[in-house]
């Protein structure tokens, strides 16, 4: 269940609301003139870290030049 907070109130109590979400895990719905405009939700750090790590490892694998050294690659480029 979400707690609903007006935008002005959320702005003045942001630190408190963030702490509430982080410790209790409950969503906070932020409204403007009675209409929902944003939601403050806790993050699942383990999945965020794992996803970031997987992206970094994939980028690392795709950027490997092979077994050639940098000097070999430079020399090959000069021969062309």
Protein backbone atom coordinates (compact mmCIF):
# COMPACT_ATOMS: atom_id res chain seq x y z
CA UNK A 1 0.00 0.00 0.00
CA UNK A 2 1.22 3.49 -0.83
CA UNK A 3 1.20 6.59 1.30
CA UNK A 4 0.00 9.66 -0.57
CA UNK A 5 1.83 12.97 -0.03
CA UNK A 6 1.31 16.31 -1.71
CA UNK A 7 4.18 17.76 -3.73
CA UNK A 8 4.80 20.73 -1.41
CA UNK A 9 4.80 18.45 1.64
CA UNK A 10 7.11 15.98 -0.14
CA UNK A 11 9.50 18.79 -1.02
CA UNK A 12 9.73 20.02 2.55
CA UNK A 13 10.02 16.49 4.03
CA UNK A 14 12.06 14.74 1.31
CA UNK A 15 14.84 13.46 3.58
CA UNK A 16 12.31 12.05 6.02
CA UNK A 17 10.30 10.42 3.24
CA UNK A 18 13.39 8.86 1.67
CA UNK A 19 14.40 7.44 5.04
CA UNK A 20 10.89 6.10 5.53
CA UNK A 21 10.95 4.35 2.15
CA UNK A 22 14.47 3.01 2.67
CA UNK A 23 13.77 1.57 6.10
CA UNK A 24 10.18 0.43 5.73
CA UNK A 25 10.09 -0.44 2.08
CA UNK A 26 6.69 1.22 1.57
CA UNK A 27 6.03 3.27 -1.56
CA UNK A 28 5.13 6.95 -1.33
CA UNK A 29 2.87 8.41 -3.98
CA UNK A 30 3.54 12.09 -4.68
CA UNK A 31 0.58 14.11 -5.90
CA UNK A 32 0.08 17.54 -7.43
CA UNK A 33 -3.40 19.01 -7.06
CA UNK A 34 -4.72 15.58 -6.16
CA UNK A 35 -3.27 13.80 -9.20
CA UNK A 36 -0.44 11.28 -8.92
CA UNK A 37 2.76 12.63 -10.55
CA UNK A 38 5.56 10.47 -9.09
CA UNK A 39 6.25 7.50 -6.86
CA UNK A 40 9.09 7.13 -4.38
CA UNK A 41 9.99 3.44 -4.13
CA UNK A 42 12.78 1.46 -2.48
CA UNK A 43 15.35 -0.10 -4.77
CA UNK A 44 16.47 -3.68 -4.66
CA UNK A 45 20.20 -3.03 -4.51
CA UNK A 46 21.25 -6.59 -5.16
CA UNK A 47 19.48 -6.70 -8.52
CA UNK A 48 20.77 -3.23 -9.48
CA UNK A 49 24.35 -4.20 -8.65
CA UNK A 50 24.07 -7.52 -10.45
CA UNK A 51 22.57 -5.87 -13.55
CA UNK A 52 25.29 -3.21 -13.60
CA UNK A 53 28.00 -5.83 -13.18
CA UNK A 54 26.58 -7.92 -16.02
CA UNK A 55 26.56 -4.87 -18.31
CA UNK A 56 30.16 -4.01 -17.41
CA UNK A 57 31.34 -7.57 -17.98
CA UNK A 58 29.56 -7.74 -21.35
CA UNK A 59 31.14 -4.45 -22.41
CA UNK A 60 34.54 -5.69 -21.31
CA UNK A 61 34.20 -8.90 -23.33
CA UNK A 62 33.08 -7.11 -26.47
CA UNK A 63 35.96 -4.64 -26.31
CA UNK A 64 38.77 -7.23 -26.17
CA UNK A 65 41.06 -6.93 -29.19
CA UNK A 66 42.24 -10.51 -29.07
CA UNK A 67 45.71 -11.85 -28.34
CA UNK A 68 47.52 -9.12 -30.31
CA UNK A 69 49.47 -6.58 -28.34
CA UNK A 70 48.93 -2.89 -28.84
CA UNK A 71 52.28 -2.69 -30.65
CA UNK A 72 51.21 -5.47 -33.07
CA UNK A 73 47.97 -3.65 -33.85
CA UNK A 74 49.80 -0.36 -34.48
CA UNK A 75 52.33 -2.05 -36.76
CA UNK A 76 49.57 -3.81 -38.69
CA UNK A 77 47.78 -0.53 -39.17
CA UNK A 78 50.94 1.08 -40.56
CA UNK A 79 51.39 -1.71 -43.10
CA UNK A 80 47.98 -1.11 -44.62
